[in-house]
Structure formats: structure tokens, C-alpha cells
Amino acid sequence: MPDLPFSDDTAGRGAAVPLAVGFDLDLTLADTRAGIGAVYAALAAETGVPIDTGQVVRRIGPPLEVELGYWFQPGEVPEMAARYRAMYADIAIPATVLMPGATAALEAVRARGGRVIVVSGKNQADTERTVRYLGLEVDAVVGGLFGSDKGAALREHGAHAYIGDHTGDVDAARAASAVAVAVATGSFDSAALTAYGADVVLPDLHPFPGWLGDFAAA
């Protein structure tokens, strides 16, 4: 696990680097399954192409174009991606809810004087819309990045840890030399996330405040 000292004002320690924690969005902070499924259902109805929305929501994580590639010919993917994004705000955003423990997780970072950074594979506009709709108090929002490509954004914002539900989020933390905290709330269970090499694996965000307290005290 990376050794990343930071300041903990609540403990009266004034270290040089303020605490910053990165979070993935889909299936980490935001339950987007119903909304994403509804957009794909609308896309299927509009195009006449059968889409198994159950399969879609079980694979949430990688870029939109990857998922669309399972259902459409390569030449059709750019047009379908544009259509999906055009529908997303009206269909998916109202169907999005918080993941269990999300609010308390962000409050735990705030309570220690820390900054919260959301880095998501979802495009920038819809990442911002989702964060705003859910009322999440964050300091920075970066969309359109997946896997190790998230590392640059996490480094830019000085993230000490990155929390996500996907093996790609472990890659993101590694690329940023941050602690990889995985939550088993997406398509990968605890065993798979542990086997992939996450530093910490939690069943969901409920234990996160306790883990953060131990991390800050280390």
C-alpha cells in the first residue's frame, strides 16, 4: 500500500499535504442501473435492435462505446453513442439514486478537512449532472476517463486514495500511486477485487468512514 502522509486537522497534525480522496461515480456513489437500463431500452425501441438491459447493467463501468459495441455494428457506434447521450439527461438522471453509504462517506472526508474528487468514465456533462442531481458535495468532477487513464486526473488533484467498484478503478489508483479501495457493489465481488490486487476491499461504502479514520491515524 502506498505511504501517503497528509494533514489531519481534526487530530491537530499539520502535515504538508491536505487529504484528498477520489471516488468513482457509477455503482460507487450513484446507483445508475435503472437509469442506464431505461436509456438502453429506449434506444432498443427506437432502433429496433434487441438489447438485453440486464446484461448491460451487469457490465456498467467501461466506456459507453464498449457496451454499444455488443449491440451495434462498429460503424453505427458513434451515432448510437451520440443518441444515447442525447437521451441520458431526461431518462437516466431522474432514475438515479445514491448508493448506500455515499453521503456518509463524503462527510467522513469533509470531517477531516479533506477534498472530494469524482473521477468517472461517464462523459463530463452527465457526470456533472449526476453529481448535481444527487446533491453530492464535491470539490472537483472529471468525466470521460476509464481505468489507468483516470490516474492523471487523480494525480492532478492529489488524491491519496481512490474508491471504486471496478477492476479498472484499481488500475486508476495504481496509475495515481494512490491507495486502491474497492467496494463490491458493482460487477465484481469481494473475492475478484481482492484477487485483482485492491489494497482494501469493502462490501459497500458503509464501512468507509471507519476505514478512513484508521487510514488517517496510520
Protein backbone atom coordinates (compact mmCIF):
# COMPACT_ATOMS: atom_id res chain seq x y z
CA MET A 1 0.00 0.00 0.00
CA PRO A 2 1.42 3.45 -0.90
CA ASP A 3 2.75 5.51 2.00
CA LEU A 4 0.94 8.80 1.58
CA PRO A 5 1.13 11.24 4.51
CA PHE A 6 -1.43 14.01 4.63
CA SER A 7 -2.68 16.60 7.05
CA ASP A 8 -5.40 15.67 9.53
CA ASP A 9 -6.65 18.91 11.03
CA THR A 10 -9.11 17.14 13.29
CA ALA A 11 -6.22 15.39 15.00
CA GLY A 12 -4.23 18.59 15.29
CA ARG A 13 -1.50 17.42 12.95
CA GLY A 14 -0.34 19.95 10.39
CA ALA A 15 1.34 17.94 7.64
CA ALA A 16 2.31 19.40 4.29
CA VAL A 17 -0.27 17.72 2.06
CA PRO A 18 -4.03 18.07 2.65
CA LEU A 19 -6.16 14.94 2.44
CA ALA A 20 -7.81 14.31 -0.92
CA VAL A 21 -9.93 11.29 -1.80
CA GLY A 22 -11.16 10.28 -5.23
CA PHE A 23 -14.42 8.43 -5.88
CA ASP A 24 -15.79 6.67 -8.92
CA LEU A 25 -19.41 7.56 -9.71
CA ASP A 26 -21.49 4.72 -11.20
CA LEU A 27 -22.17 1.96 -8.65
CA THR A 28 -19.80 3.61 -6.17
CA LEU A 29 -21.58 6.85 -5.27
CA ALA A 30 -24.53 6.68 -7.67
CA ASP A 31 -26.86 3.79 -8.40
CA THR A 32 -27.36 4.38 -12.12
CA ARG A 33 -28.58 0.89 -13.01
CA ALA A 34 -32.27 1.73 -13.50
CA GLY A 35 -31.47 4.88 -15.45
CA ILE A 36 -28.91 3.30 -17.74
CA GLY A 37 -31.19 0.34 -18.35
CA ALA A 38 -34.01 2.72 -19.27
CA VAL A 39 -31.86 4.58 -21.81
CA TYR A 40 -30.83 1.33 -23.47
CA ALA A 41 -34.46 0.21 -23.54
CA ALA A 42 -35.39 3.48 -25.25
CA LEU A 43 -32.52 3.05 -27.71
CA ALA A 44 -33.70 -0.50 -28.48
CA ALA A 45 -37.27 0.69 -29.05
CA GLU A 46 -36.09 3.49 -31.30
CA THR A 47 -33.73 1.40 -33.43
CA GLY A 48 -35.48 -1.97 -33.36
CA VAL A 49 -32.26 -3.61 -32.15
CA PRO A 50 -32.84 -6.07 -29.26
CA ILE A 51 -30.75 -5.11 -26.23
CA ASP A 52 -30.56 -7.17 -23.06
CA THR A 53 -30.64 -4.40 -20.47
CA GLY A 54 -29.91 -6.88 -17.69
CA GLN A 55 -26.60 -7.71 -19.35
CA VAL A 56 -25.92 -4.01 -19.84
CA VAL A 57 -26.32 -3.06 -16.19
CA ARG A 58 -24.20 -6.02 -15.08
CA ARG A 59 -21.33 -4.62 -17.15
CA ILE A 60 -21.50 -0.96 -16.05
CA GLY A 61 -18.05 0.56 -15.82
CA PRO A 62 -16.21 0.60 -19.17
CA PRO A 63 -16.77 3.39 -21.72
CA LEU A 64 -20.17 3.69 -23.39
CA GLU A 65 -18.76 2.80 -26.81
CA VAL A 66 -17.55 -0.55 -25.49
CA GLU A 67 -21.04 -1.56 -24.37
CA LEU A 68 -22.68 -0.28 -27.53
CA GLY A 69 -20.26 -2.46 -29.50
CA TYR A 70 -22.04 -5.55 -28.16
CA TRP A 71 -25.30 -4.48 -29.81
CA PHE A 72 -24.44 -2.40 -32.87
CA GLN A 73 -22.09 -2.66 -35.81
CA PRO A 74 -18.81 -0.72 -35.41
CA GLY A 75 -19.85 1.93 -37.92
CA GLU A 76 -23.08 2.57 -36.03
CA VAL A 77 -21.49 3.02 -32.59
CA PRO A 78 -20.61 6.75 -32.85
CA GLU A 79 -24.17 7.64 -33.89
CA MET A 80 -25.68 5.44 -31.18
CA ALA A 81 -23.36 6.96 -28.56
CA ALA A 82 -24.50 10.43 -29.55
CA ARG A 83 -28.15 9.37 -29.40
CA TYR A 84 -27.66 7.70 -26.00
CA ARG A 85 -26.08 10.85 -24.58
CA ALA A 86 -28.87 12.99 -26.01
CA MET A 87 -31.43 10.89 -24.12
CA TYR A 88 -29.48 10.40 -20.90
CA ALA A 89 -30.32 13.60 -19.06
CA ASP A 90 -34.11 13.26 -19.43
CA ILE A 91 -34.34 9.50 -18.88
CA ALA A 92 -31.48 8.36 -16.67
CA ILE A 93 -30.80 11.26 -14.32
CA PRO A 94 -34.27 11.25 -12.69
CA ALA A 95 -33.96 7.48 -12.12
CA THR A 96 -30.56 7.76 -10.37
CA VAL A 97 -30.29 7.35 -6.59
CA LEU A 98 -27.47 7.39 -4.08
CA MET A 99 -25.60 4.19 -3.32
CA PRO A 100 -25.84 3.08 0.32
CA GLY A 101 -23.37 4.97 2.50
CA ALA A 102 -22.44 7.53 -0.15
CA THR A 103 -23.37 10.63 1.81
CA ALA A 104 -21.65 9.44 4.98
CA ALA A 105 -18.52 8.54 3.01
CA LEU A 106 -18.18 12.07 1.64
CA GLU A 107 -18.97 13.58 5.02
CA ALA A 108 -16.18 11.50 6.56
CA VAL A 109 -13.68 13.04 4.16
CA ARG A 110 -15.04 16.52 4.83
CA ALA A 111 -14.89 15.98 8.60
CA ARG A 112 -11.14 15.55 8.27
CA GLY A 113 -10.72 18.71 6.24
CA GLY A 114 -10.32 16.69 3.08
CA ARG A 115 -11.22 17.29 -0.55
CA VAL A 116 -13.51 15.03 -2.57
CA ILE A 117 -12.81 14.39 -6.25
CA VAL A 118 -15.18 12.45 -8.50
CA VAL A 119 -13.48 10.82 -11.49
CA SER A 120 -15.81 8.84 -13.75
CA GLY A 121 -15.97 7.04 -17.06
CA LYS A 122 -19.26 8.81 -17.76
CA ASN A 123 -18.97 11.83 -20.06
CA GLN A 124 -18.25 15.16 -18.39
CA ALA A 125 -21.70 16.69 -18.83
CA ASP A 126 -23.61 13.72 -17.42
CA THR A 127 -21.11 13.22 -14.62
CA GLU A 128 -21.70 16.81 -13.56
CA ARG A 129 -25.47 16.44 -13.94
CA THR A 130 -25.50 13.29 -11.81
CA VAL A 131 -23.41 14.84 -9.05
CA ARG A 132 -25.61 17.92 -9.04
CA TYR A 133 -28.87 15.94 -9.10
CA LEU A 134 -27.80 13.80 -6.15
CA GLY A 135 -26.64 16.84 -4.19
CA LEU A 136 -23.14 15.45 -3.67
CA GLU A 137 -20.73 17.94 -2.10
CA VAL A 138 -17.52 17.56 -4.08
CA ASP A 139 -14.57 19.75 -4.94
CA ALA A 140 -13.86 18.56 -8.47
CA VAL A 141 -15.62 16.49 -11.12
CA VAL A 142 -13.79 14.82 -14.00
CA GLY A 143 -15.61 12.67 -16.55
CA GLY A 144 -14.76 10.68 -19.65
CA LEU A 145 -11.89 8.62 -18.19
CA PHE A 146 -11.63 4.89 -17.56
CA GLY A 147 -9.07 2.62 -15.94
CA SER A 148 -5.50 3.85 -15.75
CA ASP A 149 -6.46 6.96 -17.76
CA LYS A 150 -8.05 8.24 -14.54
CA GLY A 151 -4.62 8.33 -12.95
CA ALA A 152 -3.63 11.70 -14.41
CA ALA A 153 -6.74 13.40 -13.01
CA LEU A 154 -6.25 11.79 -9.60
CA ARG A 155 -2.62 12.91 -9.54
CA GLU A 156 -3.57 16.43 -10.59
CA HIS A 157 -5.93 16.69 -7.62
CA GLY A 158 -3.53 15.00 -5.19
CA ALA A 159 -5.74 12.01 -4.38
CA HIS A 160 -4.34 9.76 -1.65
CA ALA A 161 -6.95 7.06 -2.24
CA TYR A 162 -9.40 6.18 -4.97
CA ILE A 163 -12.63 4.34 -4.24
CA GLY A 164 -14.39 2.37 -6.95
CA ASP A 165 -16.30 -0.80 -7.75
CA HIS A 166 -14.46 -2.00 -10.86
CA THR A 167 -11.08 -3.58 -11.54
CA GLY A 168 -10.49 -0.57 -13.78
CA ASP A 169 -10.72 1.57 -10.66
CA VAL A 170 -7.90 -0.43 -9.10
CA ASP A 171 -5.88 0.35 -12.24
CA ALA A 172 -6.77 4.03 -11.77
CA ALA A 173 -5.48 4.07 -8.20
CA ARG A 174 -2.29 2.29 -9.24
CA ALA A 175 -1.69 4.82 -12.02
CA ALA A 176 -2.00 7.63 -9.45
CA SER A 177 0.13 5.89 -6.79
CA ALA A 178 -2.95 6.08 -4.57
CA VAL A 179 -4.47 3.51 -2.24
CA ALA A 180 -6.94 1.33 -4.15
CA VAL A 181 -10.13 0.97 -2.11
CA ALA A 182 -12.65 -1.31 -3.79
CA VAL A 183 -16.33 -1.67 -2.95
CA ALA A 184 -18.12 -4.86 -4.00
CA THR A 185 -21.21 -3.04 -5.24
CA GLY A 186 -20.74 -3.50 -8.98
CA SER A 187 -19.96 -6.38 -11.30
CA PHE A 188 -17.02 -7.68 -9.26
CA ASP A 189 -17.43 -9.39 -5.90
CA SER A 190 -15.01 -9.09 -2.97
CA ALA A 191 -13.02 -12.15 -3.98
CA ALA A 192 -12.48 -10.87 -7.52
CA LEU A 193 -11.45 -7.41 -6.33
CA THR A 194 -9.04 -8.90 -3.80
CA ALA A 195 -7.56 -11.23 -6.39
CA TYR A 196 -7.09 -8.30 -8.76
CA GLY A 197 -4.96 -6.53 -6.17
CA ALA A 198 -7.09 -3.90 -4.45
CA ASP A 199 -5.39 -2.66 -1.28
CA VAL A 200 -8.67 -2.59 0.62
CA VAL A 201 -11.97 -4.32 -0.21
CA LEU A 202 -15.22 -3.24 1.46
CA PRO A 203 -18.69 -4.74 0.92
CA ASP A 204 -20.08 -1.25 0.30
CA LEU A 205 -19.46 2.32 1.46
CA HIS A 206 -20.90 1.86 4.96
CA PRO A 207 -17.53 0.80 6.48
CA PHE A 208 -15.64 3.54 4.65
CA PRO A 209 -15.71 6.20 7.42
CA GLY A 210 -14.17 3.70 9.85
CA TRP A 211 -11.52 2.73 7.34
CA LEU A 212 -10.74 6.39 6.66
CA GLY A 213 -10.27 7.01 10.38
CA ASP A 214 -7.73 4.20 10.57
CA PHE A 215 -6.03 5.42 7.38
CA ALA A 216 -5.73 8.93 8.79
CA ALA A 217 -4.33 7.66 12.07
CA ALA A 218 -1.69 5.44 10.43
